[in-house]
Amino acid sequence: MSRPLTILISDDSLLLRKKLRGELELLGCQVIEAKDGKEVVEAYSTFRPDGVFMDIVMPEAGGLTALKEIKEIDDKARVIMLSSTGTAANLLEALKLGAIDFIQKPYDSSQLAKAVHDFGREAR
């Protein structure tokens, strides 16, 4: 049997992190949480997860700054940005910085399941 995927989630909303954690655990993932951009970079560096779901607008360091720092640590990092403020500029910037996808909040479970499936394919 293959090991469960380790997914790092970062959002300044505790409510959203709880919801995301619950859905990812139902999909069989191990979940690590970070509440802001600074924490997510530290957690990535420590745990080297299979994938990251990260908000764009967060305190300390925003998602775009954190994405850039994560890609400096590991250029193969698989990061999907989550945001309710999905402006075209943010989306393009995130993709330019190396995000593999962008999910608009509120997301639905099928989007999450597909993303986890894609993380899993890459991790093997």
PDB file of N, CA and C in Angstrom:
ATOM      1  N   MET A   1       0.832  -1.195   0.000  1.00  0.00           N
ATOM      2  CA  MET A   1       0.000   0.000   0.000  1.00  0.00           C
ATOM      3  C   MET A   1       0.870   1.250   0.000  1.00  0.00           C
ATOM      4  N   SER A   2       0.482   2.254  -0.729  1.00  0.00           N
ATOM      5  CA  SER A   2       1.288   3.465  -0.798  1.00  0.00           C
ATOM      6  C   SER A   2       1.012   4.350   0.421  1.00  0.00           C
ATOM      7  N   ARG A   3       1.981   5.169   0.729  1.00  0.00           N
ATOM      8  CA  ARG A   3       1.853   6.056   1.891  1.00  0.00           C
ATOM      9  C   ARG A   3       0.830   7.151   1.592  1.00  0.00           C
ATOM     10  N   PRO A   4       0.191   7.675   2.644  1.00  0.00           N
ATOM     11  CA  PRO A   4      -0.749   8.787   2.414  1.00  0.00           C
ATOM     12  C   PRO A   4       0.006  10.030   1.960  1.00  0.00           C
ATOM     13  N   LEU A   5      -0.653  10.866   1.176  1.00  0.00           N
ATOM     14  CA  LEU A   5      -0.047  12.132   0.760  1.00  0.00           C
ATOM     15  C   LEU A   5      -0.011  13.089   1.941  1.00  0.00           C
ATOM     16  N   THR A   6       1.040  13.868   2.029  1.00  0.00           N
ATOM     17  CA  THR A   6       1.126  14.916   3.038  1.00  0.00           C
ATOM     18  C   THR A   6       0.809  16.238   2.342  1.00  0.00           C
ATOM     19  N   ILE A   7      -0.215  16.917   2.835  1.00  0.00           N
ATOM     20  CA  ILE A   7      -0.654  18.170   2.239  1.00  0.00           C
ATOM     21  C   ILE A   7      -0.541  19.290   3.262  1.00  0.00           C
ATOM     22  N   LEU A   8       0.084  20.369   2.862  1.00  0.00           N
ATOM     23  CA  LEU A   8       0.219  21.550   3.709  1.00  0.00           C
ATOM     24  C   LEU A   8      -0.853  22.549   3.285  1.00  0.00           C
ATOM     25  N   ILE A   9      -1.626  23.022   4.259  1.00  0.00           N
ATOM     26  CA  ILE A   9      -2.653  24.023   3.954  1.00  0.00           C
ATOM     27  C   ILE A   9      -2.336  25.308   4.706  1.00  0.00           C
ATOM     28  N   SER A  10      -2.527  26.428   4.031  1.00  0.00           N
ATOM     29  CA  SER A  10      -2.248  27.701   4.670  1.00  0.00           C
ATOM     30  C   SER A  10      -3.342  28.705   4.337  1.00  0.00           C
ATOM     31  N   ASP A  11      -4.000  29.166   5.384  1.00  0.00           N
ATOM     32  CA  ASP A  11      -5.043  30.174   5.244  1.00  0.00           C
ATOM     33  C   ASP A  11      -5.162  30.862   6.597  1.00  0.00           C
ATOM     34  N   ASP A  12      -5.389  32.165   6.604  1.00  0.00           N
ATOM     35  CA  ASP A  12      -5.515  32.858   7.887  1.00  0.00           C
ATOM     36  C   ASP A  12      -6.882  32.638   8.532  1.00  0.00           C
ATOM     37  N   SER A  13      -7.804  31.993   7.816  1.00  0.00           N
ATOM     38  CA  SER A  13      -9.115  31.681   8.376  1.00  0.00           C
ATOM     39  C   SER A  13      -9.097  30.298   9.023  1.00  0.00           C
ATOM     40  N   LEU A  14      -9.254  30.264  10.350  1.00  0.00           N
ATOM     41  CA  LEU A  14      -9.296  28.997  11.076  1.00  0.00           C
ATOM     42  C   LEU A  14     -10.441  28.124  10.564  1.00  0.00           C
ATOM     43  N   LEU A  15     -11.573  28.750  10.293  1.00  0.00           N
ATOM     44  CA  LEU A  15     -12.744  28.031   9.794  1.00  0.00           C
ATOM     45  C   LEU A  15     -12.429  27.318   8.468  1.00  0.00           C
ATOM     46  N   LEU A  16     -11.793  28.037   7.563  1.00  0.00           N
ATOM     47  CA  LEU A  16     -11.458  27.431   6.280  1.00  0.00           C
ATOM     48  C   LEU A  16     -10.430  26.318   6.442  1.00  0.00           C
ATOM     49  N   ARG A  17      -9.441  26.518   7.320  1.00  0.00           N
ATOM     50  CA  ARG A  17      -8.437  25.461   7.548  1.00  0.00           C
ATOM     51  C   ARG A  17      -9.106  24.205   8.086  1.00  0.00           C
ATOM     52  N   LYS A  18     -10.061  24.369   9.022  1.00  0.00           N
ATOM     53  CA  LYS A  18     -10.759  23.200   9.580  1.00  0.00           C
ATOM     54  C   LYS A  18     -11.545  22.461   8.498  1.00  0.00           C
ATOM     55  N   LYS A  19     -12.239  23.223   7.646  1.00  0.00           N
ATOM     56  CA  LYS A  19     -13.028  22.624   6.569  1.00  0.00           C
ATOM     57  C   LYS A  19     -12.117  21.874   5.587  1.00  0.00           C
ATOM     58  N   LEU A  20     -11.039  22.538   5.199  1.00  0.00           N
ATOM     59  CA  LEU A  20     -10.079  21.951   4.260  1.00  0.00           C
ATOM     60  C   LEU A  20      -9.439  20.697   4.855  1.00  0.00           C
ATOM     61  N   ARG A  21      -9.023  20.785   6.130  1.00  0.00           N
ATOM     62  CA  ARG A  21      -8.415  19.628   6.798  1.00  0.00           C
ATOM     63  C   ARG A  21      -9.380  18.438   6.776  1.00  0.00           C
ATOM     64  N   GLY A  22     -10.639  18.701   7.142  1.00  0.00           N
ATOM     65  CA  GLY A  22     -11.637  17.631   7.181  1.00  0.00           C
ATOM     66  C   GLY A  22     -11.798  16.960   5.825  1.00  0.00           C
ATOM     67  N   GLU A  23     -11.906  17.754   4.772  1.00  0.00           N
ATOM     68  CA  GLU A  23     -12.086  17.196   3.438  1.00  0.00           C
ATOM     69  C   GLU A  23     -10.845  16.431   2.976  1.00  0.00           C
ATOM     70  N   LEU A  24      -9.665  16.974   3.259  1.00  0.00           N
ATOM     71  CA  LEU A  24      -8.430  16.298   2.845  1.00  0.00           C
ATOM     72  C   LEU A  24      -8.223  14.996   3.616  1.00  0.00           C
ATOM     73  N   GLU A  25      -8.578  14.994   4.904  1.00  0.00           N
ATOM     74  CA  GLU A  25      -8.444  13.757   5.688  1.00  0.00           C
ATOM     75  C   GLU A  25      -9.407  12.690   5.175  1.00  0.00           C
ATOM     76  N   LEU A  26     -10.602  13.095   4.731  1.00  0.00           N
ATOM     77  CA  LEU A  26     -11.532  12.140   4.124  1.00  0.00           C
ATOM     78  C   LEU A  26     -10.954  11.534   2.844  1.00  0.00           C
ATOM     79  N   LEU A  27     -10.098  12.291   2.173  1.00  0.00           N
ATOM     80  CA  LEU A  27      -9.446  11.803   0.955  1.00  0.00           C
ATOM     81  C   LEU A  27      -8.186  10.989   1.279  1.00  0.00           C
ATOM     82  N   GLY A  28      -7.924  10.799   2.579  1.00  0.00           N
ATOM     83  CA  GLY A  28      -6.800   9.956   2.997  1.00  0.00           C
ATOM     84  C   GLY A  28      -5.470  10.673   3.152  1.00  0.00           C
ATOM     85  N   CYS A  29      -5.498  11.998   3.211  1.00  0.00           N
ATOM     86  CA  CYS A  29      -4.257  12.777   3.312  1.00  0.00           C
ATOM     87  C   CYS A  29      -3.872  13.040   4.761  1.00  0.00           C
ATOM     88  N   GLN A  30      -2.572  13.195   4.981  1.00  0.00           N
ATOM     89  CA  GLN A  30      -2.089  13.740   6.248  1.00  0.00           C
ATOM     90  C   GLN A  30      -2.006  15.242   6.030  1.00  0.00           C
ATOM     91  N   VAL A  31      -2.453  16.024   7.010  1.00  0.00           N
ATOM     92  CA  VAL A  31      -2.553  17.466   6.811  1.00  0.00           C
ATOM     93  C   VAL A  31      -1.703  18.225   7.829  1.00  0.00           C
ATOM     94  N   ILE A  32      -0.973  19.202   7.319  1.00  0.00           N
ATOM     95  CA  ILE A  32      -0.210  20.129   8.155  1.00  0.00           C
ATOM     96  C   ILE A  32      -0.823  21.504   7.914  1.00  0.00           C
ATOM     97  N   GLU A  33      -1.000  22.287   8.981  1.00  0.00           N
ATOM     98  CA  GLU A  33      -1.627  23.609   8.844  1.00  0.00           C
ATOM     99  C   GLU A  33      -0.649  24.738   9.149  1.00  0.00           C
ATOM    100  N   ALA A  34      -0.834  25.842   8.432  1.00  0.00           N
ATOM    101  CA  ALA A  34      -0.101  27.073   8.719  1.00  0.00           C
ATOM    102  C   ALA A  34      -1.100  28.223   8.619  1.00  0.00           C
ATOM    103  N   LYS A  35      -0.951  29.216   9.495  1.00  0.00           N
ATOM    104  CA  LYS A  35      -1.960  30.286   9.534  1.00  0.00           C
ATOM    105  C   LYS A  35      -1.570  31.537   8.751  1.00  0.00           C
ATOM    106  N   ASP A  36      -0.323  31.589   8.275  1.00  0.00           N
ATOM    107  CA  ASP A  36       0.087  32.766   7.496  1.00  0.00           C
ATOM    108  C   ASP A  36       1.266  32.409   6.591  1.00  0.00           C
ATOM    109  N   GLY A  37       1.673  33.391   5.798  1.00  0.00           N
ATOM    110  CA  GLY A  37       2.720  33.171   4.816  1.00  0.00           C
ATOM    111  C   GLY A  37       4.066  32.808   5.417  1.00  0.00           C
ATOM    112  N   LYS A  38       4.383  33.376   6.561  1.00  0.00           N
ATOM    113  CA  LYS A  38       5.659  33.080   7.228  1.00  0.00           C
ATOM    114  C   LYS A  38       5.661  31.621   7.717  1.00  0.00           C
ATOM    115  N   GLU A  39       4.563  31.208   8.357  1.00  0.00           N
ATOM    116  CA  GLU A  39       4.441  29.840   8.870  1.00  0.00           C
ATOM    117  C   GLU A  39       4.467  28.795   7.761  1.00  0.00           C
ATOM    118  N   VAL A  40       3.828  29.093   6.630  1.00  0.00           N
ATOM    119  CA  VAL A  40       3.756  28.104   5.555  1.00  0.00           C
ATOM    120  C   VAL A  40       5.147  27.837   4.967  1.00  0.00           C
ATOM    121  N   VAL A  41       5.973  28.865   4.875  1.00  0.00           N
ATOM    122  CA  VAL A  41       7.335  28.681   4.351  1.00  0.00           C
ATOM    123  C   VAL A  41       8.145  27.817   5.320  1.00  0.00           C
ATOM    124  N   GLU A  42       8.023  28.111   6.627  1.00  0.00           N
ATOM    125  CA  GLU A  42       8.738  27.310   7.635  1.00  0.00           C
ATOM    126  C   GLU A  42       8.266  25.861   7.601  1.00  0.00           C
ATOM    127  N   ALA A  43       6.947  25.657   7.521  1.00  0.00           N
ATOM    128  CA  ALA A  43       6.392  24.298   7.503  1.00  0.00           C
ATOM    129  C   ALA A  43       6.827  23.553   6.233  1.00  0.00           C
ATOM    130  N   TYR A  44       6.843  24.239   5.108  1.00  0.00           N
ATOM    131  CA  TYR A  44       7.277  23.591   3.862  1.00  0.00           C
ATOM    132  C   TYR A  44       8.717  23.127   3.996  1.00  0.00           C
ATOM    133  N   SER A  45       9.543  24.004   4.512  1.00  0.00           N
ATOM    134  CA  SER A  45      10.958  23.718   4.675  1.00  0.00           C
ATOM    135  C   SER A  45      11.176  22.505   5.585  1.00  0.00           C
ATOM    136  N   THR A  46      10.375  22.404   6.638  1.00  0.00           N
ATOM    137  CA  THR A  46      10.497  21.313   7.607  1.00  0.00           C
ATOM    138  C   THR A  46       9.941  19.986   7.078  1.00  0.00           C
ATOM    139  N   PHE A  47       8.734  20.014   6.503  1.00  0.00           N
ATOM    140  CA  PHE A  47       8.026  18.775   6.185  1.00  0.00           C
ATOM    141  C   PHE A  47       8.105  18.326   4.726  1.00  0.00           C
ATOM    142  N   ARG A  48       8.447  19.225   3.808  1.00  0.00           N
ATOM    143  CA  ARG A  48       8.493  18.892   2.375  1.00  0.00           C
ATOM    144  C   ARG A  48       7.257  18.088   1.937  1.00  0.00           C
ATOM    145  N   PRO A  49       6.067  18.690   2.051  1.00  0.00           N
ATOM    146  CA  PRO A  49       4.834  17.964   1.721  1.00  0.00           C
ATOM    147  C   PRO A  49       4.722  17.651   0.220  1.00  0.00           C
ATOM    148  N   ASP A  50       3.787  16.761  -0.111  1.00  0.00           N
ATOM    149  CA  ASP A  50       3.543  16.394  -1.511  1.00  0.00           C
ATOM    150  C   ASP A  50       2.830  17.516  -2.260  1.00  0.00           C
ATOM    151  N   GLY A  51       2.097  18.350  -1.527  1.00  0.00           N
ATOM    152  CA  GLY A  51       1.370  19.450  -2.159  1.00  0.00           C
ATOM    153  C   GLY A  51       0.996  20.511  -1.138  1.00  0.00           C
ATOM    154  N   VAL A  52       0.687  21.700  -1.658  1.00  0.00           N
ATOM    155  CA  VAL A  52       0.326  22.832  -0.801  1.00  0.00           C
ATOM    156  C   VAL A  52      -0.919  23.513  -1.362  1.00  0.00           C
ATOM    157  N   PHE A  53      -1.884  23.773  -0.475  1.00  0.00           N
ATOM    158  CA  PHE A  53      -3.021  24.642  -0.803  1.00  0.00           C
ATOM    159  C   PHE A  53      -2.794  25.912  -0.001  1.00  0.00           C
ATOM    160  N   MET A  54      -2.731  27.057  -0.678  1.00  0.00           N
ATOM    161  CA  MET A  54      -2.378  28.281   0.018  1.00  0.00           C
ATOM    162  C   MET A  54      -3.230  29.461  -0.433  1.00  0.00           C
ATOM    163  N   ASP A  55      -3.696  30.213   0.563  1.00  0.00           N
ATOM    164  CA  ASP A  55      -4.449  31.436   0.306  1.00  0.00           C
ATOM    165  C   ASP A  55      -3.498  32.490  -0.256  1.00  0.00           C
ATOM    166  N   ILE A  56      -4.042  33.430  -1.013  1.00  0.00           N
ATOM    167  CA  ILE A  56      -3.191  34.512  -1.534  1.00  0.00           C
ATOM    168  C   ILE A  56      -3.080  35.652  -0.535  1.00  0.00           C
ATOM    169  N   VAL A  57      -4.211  36.032   0.097  1.00  0.00           N
ATOM    170  CA  VAL A  57      -4.202  37.182   1.006  1.00  0.00           C
ATOM    171  C   VAL A  57      -4.097  36.687   2.454  1.00  0.00           C
ATOM    172  N   MET A  58      -2.896  36.867   3.049  1.00  0.00           N
ATOM    173  CA  MET A  58      -2.651  36.437   4.434  1.00  0.00           C
ATOM    174  C   MET A  58      -1.759  37.456   5.135  1.00  0.00           C
ATOM    175  N   PRO A  59      -1.820  37.462   6.490  1.00  0.00           N
ATOM    176  CA  PRO A  59      -0.919  38.351   7.238  1.00  0.00           C
ATOM    177  C   PRO A  59       0.520  37.818   7.213  1.00  0.00           C
ATOM    178  N   GLU A  60       1.419  38.582   7.811  1.00  0.00           N
ATOM    179  CA  GLU A  60       2.856  38.279   7.863  1.00  0.00           C
ATOM    180  C   GLU A  60       3.455  38.352   6.464  1.00  0.00           C
ATOM    181  N   ALA A  61       3.279  37.279   5.693  1.00  0.00           N
ATOM    182  CA  ALA A  61       3.708  37.305   4.291  1.00  0.00           C
ATOM    183  C   ALA A  61       2.515  36.811   3.492  1.00  0.00           C
ATOM    184  N   GLY A  62       2.212  37.464   2.414  1.00  0.00           N
ATOM    185  CA  GLY A  62       1.090  37.039   1.581  1.00  0.00           C
ATOM    186  C   GLY A  62       1.430  35.765   0.827  1.00  0.00           C
ATOM    187  N   GLY A  63       0.431  35.181   0.212  1.00  0.00           N
ATOM    188  CA  GLY A  63       0.611  33.926  -0.510  1.00  0.00           C
ATOM    189  C   GLY A  63       1.598  34.012  -1.672  1.00  0.00           C
ATOM    190  N   LEU A  64       1.606  35.138  -2.372  1.00  0.00           N
ATOM    191  CA  LEU A  64       2.532  35.265  -3.506  1.00  0.00           C
ATOM    192  C   LEU A  64       3.981  35.316  -3.017  1.00  0.00           C
ATOM    193  N   THR A  65       4.215  36.035  -1.916  1.00  0.00           N
ATOM    194  CA  THR A  65       5.558  36.097  -1.324  1.00  0.00           C
ATOM    195  C   THR A  65       5.966  34.708  -0.834  1.00  0.00           C
ATOM    196  N   ALA A  66       5.043  34.035  -0.140  1.00  0.00           N
ATOM    197  CA  ALA A  66       5.331  32.692   0.386  1.00  0.00           C
ATOM    198  C   ALA A  66       5.598  31.713  -0.764  1.00  0.00           C
ATOM    199  N   LEU A  67       4.811  31.811  -1.833  1.00  0.00           N
ATOM    200  CA  LEU A  67       5.007  30.936  -2.995  1.00  0.00           C
ATOM    201  C   LEU A  67       6.419  31.103  -3.556  1.00  0.00           C
ATOM    202  N   LYS A  68       6.848  32.344  -3.687  1.00  0.00           N
ATOM    203  CA  LYS A  68       8.182  32.634  -4.209  1.00  0.00           C
ATOM    204  C   LYS A  68       9.253  31.999  -3.314  1.00  0.00           C
ATOM    205  N   GLU A  69       9.078  32.136  -2.001  1.00  0.00           N
ATOM    206  CA  GLU A  69      10.059  31.584  -1.055  1.00  0.00           C
ATOM    207  C   GLU A  69      10.051  30.057  -1.082  1.00  0.00           C
ATOM    208  N   ILE A  70       8.873  29.456  -1.182  1.00  0.00           N
ATOM    209  CA  ILE A  70       8.782  27.990  -1.255  1.00  0.00           C
ATOM    210  C   ILE A  70       9.471  27.487  -2.518  1.00  0.00           C
ATOM    211  N   LYS A  71       9.256  28.160  -3.645  1.00  0.00           N
ATOM    212  CA  LYS A  71       9.894  27.750  -4.896  1.00  0.00           C
ATOM    213  C   LYS A  71      11.409  27.920  -4.835  1.00  0.00           C
ATOM    214  N   GLU A  72      11.905  28.853  -4.023  1.00  0.00           N
ATOM    215  CA  GLU A  72      13.356  29.006  -3.830  1.00  0.00           C
ATOM    216  C   GLU A  72      13.908  27.833  -3.023  1.00  0.00           C
ATOM    217  N   ILE A  73      13.109  27.327  -2.077  1.00  0.00           N
ATOM    218  CA  ILE A  73      13.513  26.163  -1.278  1.00  0.00           C
ATOM    219  C   ILE A  73      13.487  24.912  -2.147  1.00  0.00           C
ATOM    220  N   ASP A  74      12.432  24.783  -2.953  1.00  0.00           N
ATOM    221  CA  ASP A  74      12.227  23.579  -3.755  1.00  0.00           C
ATOM    222  C   ASP A  74      11.526  23.971  -5.057  1.00  0.00           C
ATOM    223  N   ASP A  75      12.271  23.983  -6.144  1.00  0.00           N
ATOM    224  CA  ASP A  75      11.672  24.429  -7.407  1.00  0.00           C
ATOM    225  C   ASP A  75      10.637  23.447  -7.957  1.00  0.00           C
ATOM    226  N   LYS A  76      10.555  22.245  -7.351  1.00  0.00           N
ATOM    227  CA  LYS A  76       9.545  21.266  -7.773  1.00  0.00           C
ATOM    228  C   LYS A  76       8.301  21.279  -6.872  1.00  0.00           C
ATOM    229  N   ALA A  77       8.256  22.220  -5.935  1.00  0.00           N
ATOM    230  CA  ALA A  77       7.110  22.327  -5.016  1.00  0.00           C
ATOM    231  C   ALA A  77       5.819  22.450  -5.816  1.00  0.00           C
ATOM    232  N   ARG A  78       4.793  21.707  -5.376  1.00  0.00           N
ATOM    233  CA  ARG A  78       3.492  21.712  -6.063  1.00  0.00           C
ATOM    234  C   ARG A  78       2.513  22.507  -5.220  1.00  0.00           C
ATOM    235  N   VAL A  79       2.235  23.735  -5.670  1.00  0.00           N
ATOM    236  CA  VAL A  79       1.411  24.660  -4.899  1.00  0.00           C
ATOM    237  C   VAL A  79       0.176  25.052  -5.701  1.00  0.00           C
ATOM    238  N   ILE A  80      -0.975  24.951  -5.048  1.00  0.00           N
ATOM    239  CA  ILE A  80      -2.228  25.426  -5.634  1.00  0.00           C
ATOM    240  C   ILE A  80      -2.711  26.586  -4.778  1.00  0.00           C
ATOM    241  N   MET A  81      -2.960  27.714  -5.419  1.00  0.00           N
ATOM    242  CA  MET A  81      -3.419  28.899  -4.709  1.00  0.00           C
ATOM    243  C   MET A  81      -4.937  28.843  -4.538  1.00  0.00           C
ATOM    244  N   LEU A  82      -5.392  29.235  -3.353  1.00  0.00           N
ATOM    245  CA  LEU A  82      -6.826  29.337  -3.060  1.00  0.00           C
ATOM    246  C   LEU A  82      -7.103  30.804  -2.775  1.00  0.00           C
ATOM    247  N   SER A  83      -8.124  31.366  -3.388  1.00  0.00           N
ATOM    248  CA  SER A  83      -8.415  32.748  -3.051  1.00  0.00           C
ATOM    249  C   SER A  83      -9.822  33.151  -3.412  1.00  0.00           C
ATOM    250  N   SER A  84     -10.378  34.002  -2.578  1.00  0.00           N
ATOM    251  CA  SER A  84     -11.687  34.565  -2.896  1.00  0.00           C
ATOM    252  C   SER A  84     -11.499  35.877  -3.655  1.00  0.00           C
ATOM    253  N   THR A  85     -10.306  36.423  -3.589  1.00  0.00           N
ATOM    254  CA  THR A  85     -10.024  37.648  -4.329  1.00  0.00           C
ATOM    255  C   THR A  85      -9.242  37.291  -5.582  1.00  0.00           C
ATOM    256  N   GLY A  86      -9.854  36.481  -6.431  1.00  0.00           N
ATOM    257  CA  GLY A  86      -9.169  35.959  -7.599  1.00  0.00           C
ATOM    258  C   GLY A  86      -9.086  36.951  -8.740  1.00  0.00           C
ATOM    259  N   THR A  87      -8.302  38.001  -8.548  1.00  0.00           N
ATOM    260  CA  THR A  87      -8.145  38.926  -9.657  1.00  0.00           C
ATOM    261  C   THR A  87      -7.242  38.299 -10.697  1.00  0.00           C
ATOM    262  N   ALA A  88      -7.414  38.689 -11.929  1.00  0.00           N
ATOM    263  CA  ALA A  88      -6.597  38.172 -13.024  1.00  0.00           C
ATOM    264  C   ALA A  88      -5.115  38.430 -12.757  1.00  0.00           C
ATOM    265  N   ALA A  89      -4.807  39.586 -12.192  1.00  0.00           N
ATOM    266  CA  ALA A  89      -3.404  39.929 -11.916  1.00  0.00           C
ATOM    267  C   ALA A  89      -2.786  38.955 -10.914  1.00  0.00           C
ATOM    268  N   ASN A  90      -3.525  38.654  -9.821  1.00  0.00           N
ATOM    269  CA  ASN A  90      -3.028  37.694  -8.829  1.00  0.00           C
ATOM    270  C   ASN A  90      -2.851  36.312  -9.445  1.00  0.00           C
ATOM    271  N   LEU A  91      -3.821  35.899 -10.234  1.00  0.00           N
ATOM    272  CA  LEU A  91      -3.766  34.591 -10.880  1.00  0.00           C
ATOM    273  C   LEU A  91      -2.537  34.494 -11.774  1.00  0.00           C
ATOM    274  N   LEU A  92      -2.345  35.483 -12.624  1.00  0.00           N
ATOM    275  CA  LEU A  92      -1.187  35.461 -13.526  1.00  0.00           C
ATOM    276  C   LEU A  92       0.117  35.484 -12.760  1.00  0.00           C
ATOM    277  N   GLU A  93       0.184  36.303 -11.723  1.00  0.00           N
ATOM    278  CA  GLU A  93       1.400  36.392 -10.910  1.00  0.00           C
ATOM    279  C   GLU A  93       1.697  35.054 -10.239  1.00  0.00           C
ATOM    280  N   ALA A  94       0.668  34.410  -9.674  1.00  0.00           N
ATOM    281  CA  ALA A  94       0.845  33.109  -9.009  1.00  0.00           C
ATOM    282  C   ALA A  94       1.360  32.065 -10.003  1.00  0.00           C
ATOM    283  N   LEU A  95       0.788  32.034 -11.187  1.00  0.00           N
ATOM    284  CA  LEU A  95       1.224  31.065 -12.202  1.00  0.00           C
ATOM    285  C   LEU A  95       2.651  31.369 -12.658  1.00  0.00           C
ATOM    286  N   LYS A  96       2.963  32.663 -12.804  1.00  0.00           N
ATOM    287  CA  LYS A  96       4.323  33.061 -13.193  1.00  0.00           C
ATOM    288  C   LYS A  96       5.343  32.627 -12.139  1.00  0.00           C
ATOM    289  N   LEU A  97       4.941  32.715 -10.863  1.00  0.00           N
ATOM    290  CA  LEU A  97       5.837  32.359  -9.762  1.00  0.00           C
ATOM    291  C   LEU A  97       5.943  30.846  -9.564  1.00  0.00           C
ATOM    292  N   GLY A  98       5.102  30.076 -10.285  1.00  0.00           N
ATOM    293  CA  GLY A  98       5.252  28.628 -10.222  1.00  0.00           C
ATOM    294  C   GLY A  98       4.101  27.853  -9.619  1.00  0.00           C
ATOM    295  N   ALA A  99       2.986  28.517  -9.283  1.00  0.00           N
ATOM    296  CA  ALA A  99       1.818  27.761  -8.804  1.00  0.00           C
ATOM    297  C   ALA A  99       1.344  26.864  -9.944  1.00  0.00           C
ATOM    298  N   ILE A 100       0.862  25.658  -9.607  1.00  0.00           N
ATOM    299  CA  ILE A 100       0.405  24.755 -10.677  1.00  0.00           C
ATOM    300  C   ILE A 100      -1.065  24.962 -11.002  1.00  0.00           C
ATOM    301  N   ASP A 101      -1.793  25.611 -10.091  1.00  0.00           N
ATOM    302  CA  ASP A 101      -3.208  25.849 -10.355  1.00  0.00           C
ATOM    303  C   ASP A 101      -3.728  26.905  -9.392  1.00  0.00           C
ATOM    304  N   PHE A 102      -4.974  27.251  -9.582  1.00  0.00           N
ATOM    305  CA  PHE A 102      -5.606  28.321  -8.819  1.00  0.00           C
ATOM    306  C   PHE A 102      -7.056  27.909  -8.615  1.00  0.00           C
ATOM    307  N   ILE A 103      -7.495  27.823  -7.367  1.00  0.00           N
ATOM    308  CA  ILE A 103      -8.886  27.450  -7.086  1.00  0.00           C
ATOM    309  C   ILE A 103      -9.577  28.626  -6.399  1.00  0.00           C
ATOM    310  N   GLN A 104     -10.706  29.009  -6.974  1.00  0.00           N
ATOM    311  CA  GLN A 104     -11.491  30.130  -6.442  1.00  0.00           C
ATOM    312  C   GLN A 104     -12.313  29.660  -5.237  1.00  0.00           C
ATOM    313  N   LYS A 105     -12.275  30.429  -4.128  1.00  0.00           N
ATOM    314  CA  LYS A 105     -13.144  30.134  -2.983  1.00  0.00           C
ATOM    315  C   LYS A 105     -14.494  30.798  -3.238  1.00  0.00           C
ATOM    316  N   PRO A 106     -15.617  30.220  -2.847  1.00  0.00           N
ATOM    317  CA  PRO A 106     -15.697  28.894  -2.231  1.00  0.00           C
ATOM    318  C   PRO A 106     -15.467  27.799  -3.282  1.00  0.00           C
ATOM    319  N   TYR A 107     -14.625  26.839  -2.916  1.00  0.00           N
ATOM    320  CA  TYR A 107     -14.320  25.725  -3.809  1.00  0.00           C
ATOM    321  C   TYR A 107     -15.335  24.616  -3.569  1.00  0.00           C
ATOM    322  N   ASP A 108     -15.364  23.629  -4.452  1.00  0.00           N
ATOM    323  CA  ASP A 108     -16.210  22.471  -4.145  1.00  0.00           C
ATOM    324  C   ASP A 108     -15.336  21.228  -3.997  1.00  0.00           C
ATOM    325  N   SER A 109     -15.887  20.198  -3.389  1.00  0.00           N
ATOM    326  CA  SER A 109     -15.136  18.988  -3.054  1.00  0.00           C
ATOM    327  C   SER A 109     -14.497  18.329  -4.270  1.00  0.00           C
ATOM    328  N   SER A 110     -15.161  18.403  -5.423  1.00  0.00           N
ATOM    329  CA  SER A 110     -14.606  17.752  -6.611  1.00  0.00           C
ATOM    330  C   SER A 110     -13.312  18.447  -7.061  1.00  0.00           C
ATOM    331  N   GLN A 111     -13.232  19.772  -6.894  1.00  0.00           N
ATOM    332  CA  GLN A 111     -12.000  20.492  -7.245  1.00  0.00           C
ATOM    333  C   GLN A 111     -10.848  20.026  -6.347  1.00  0.00           C
ATOM    334  N   LEU A 112     -11.158  19.857  -5.073  1.00  0.00           N
ATOM    335  CA  LEU A 112     -10.169  19.410  -4.107  1.00  0.00           C
ATOM    336  C   LEU A 112      -9.707  17.990  -4.428  1.00  0.00           C
ATOM    337  N   ALA A 113     -10.663  17.108  -4.696  1.00  0.00           N
ATOM    338  CA  ALA A 113     -10.343  15.710  -5.007  1.00  0.00           C
ATOM    339  C   ALA A 113      -9.462  15.610  -6.250  1.00  0.00           C
ATOM    340  N   LYS A 114      -9.766  16.404  -7.270  1.00  0.00           N
ATOM    341  CA  LYS A 114      -8.959  16.393  -8.494  1.00  0.00           C
ATOM    342  C   LYS A 114      -7.537  16.866  -8.198  1.00  0.00           C
ATOM    343  N   ALA A 115      -7.416  17.934  -7.411  1.00  0.00           N
ATOM    344  CA  ALA A 115      -6.094  18.473  -7.073  1.00  0.00           C
ATOM    345  C   ALA A 115      -5.274  17.442  -6.296  1.00  0.00           C
ATOM    346  N   VAL A 116      -5.900  16.772  -5.332  1.00  0.00           N
ATOM    347  CA  VAL A 116      -5.208  15.752  -4.547  1.00  0.00           C
ATOM    348  C   VAL A 116      -4.781  14.594  -5.455  1.00  0.00           C
ATOM    349  N   HIS A 117      -5.651  14.212  -6.372  1.00  0.00           N
ATOM    350  CA  HIS A 117      -5.323  13.160  -7.340  1.00  0.00           C
ATOM    351  C   HIS A 117      -4.077  13.567  -8.147  1.00  0.00           C
ATOM    352  N   ASP A 118      -4.044  14.822  -8.595  1.00  0.00           N
ATOM    353  CA  ASP A 118      -2.891  15.317  -9.360  1.00  0.00           C
ATOM    354  C   ASP A 118      -1.625  15.332  -8.505  1.00  0.00           C
ATOM    355  N   PHE A 119      -1.737  15.768  -7.239  1.00  0.00           N
ATOM    356  CA  PHE A 119      -0.586  15.729  -6.328  1.00  0.00           C
ATOM    357  C   PHE A 119      -0.071  14.298  -6.209  1.00  0.00           C
ATOM    358  N   GLY A 120      -1.010  13.349  -6.084  1.00  0.00           N
ATOM    359  CA  GLY A 120      -0.658  11.940  -5.913  1.00  0.00           C
ATOM    360  C   GLY A 120       0.073  11.373  -7.111  1.00  0.00           C
ATOM    361  N   ARG A 121      -0.385  11.736  -8.291  1.00  0.00           N
ATOM    362  CA  ARG A 121       0.272  11.265  -9.529  1.00  0.00           C
ATOM    363  C   ARG A 121       1.713  11.738  -9.575  1.00  0.00           C
ATOM    364  N   GLU A 122       1.931  12.977  -9.185  1.00  0.00           N
ATOM    365  CA  GLU A 122       3.281  13.540  -9.229  1.00  0.00           C
ATOM    366  C   GLU A 122       4.183  12.969  -8.143  1.00  0.00           C
ATOM    367  N   ALA A 123       3.605  12.628  -7.005  1.00  0.00           N
ATOM    368  CA  ALA A 123       4.402  12.185  -5.861  1.00  0.00           C
ATOM    369  C   ALA A 123       4.945  10.769  -6.031  1.00  0.00           C
ATOM    370  N   ARG A 124       4.326   9.983  -6.864  1.00  0.00           N
ATOM    371  CA  ARG A 124       4.727   8.577  -6.994  1.00  0.00           C
ATOM    372  C   ARG A 124       6.026   8.406  -7.749  1.00  0.00           C
TER     373      ARG A 124
END
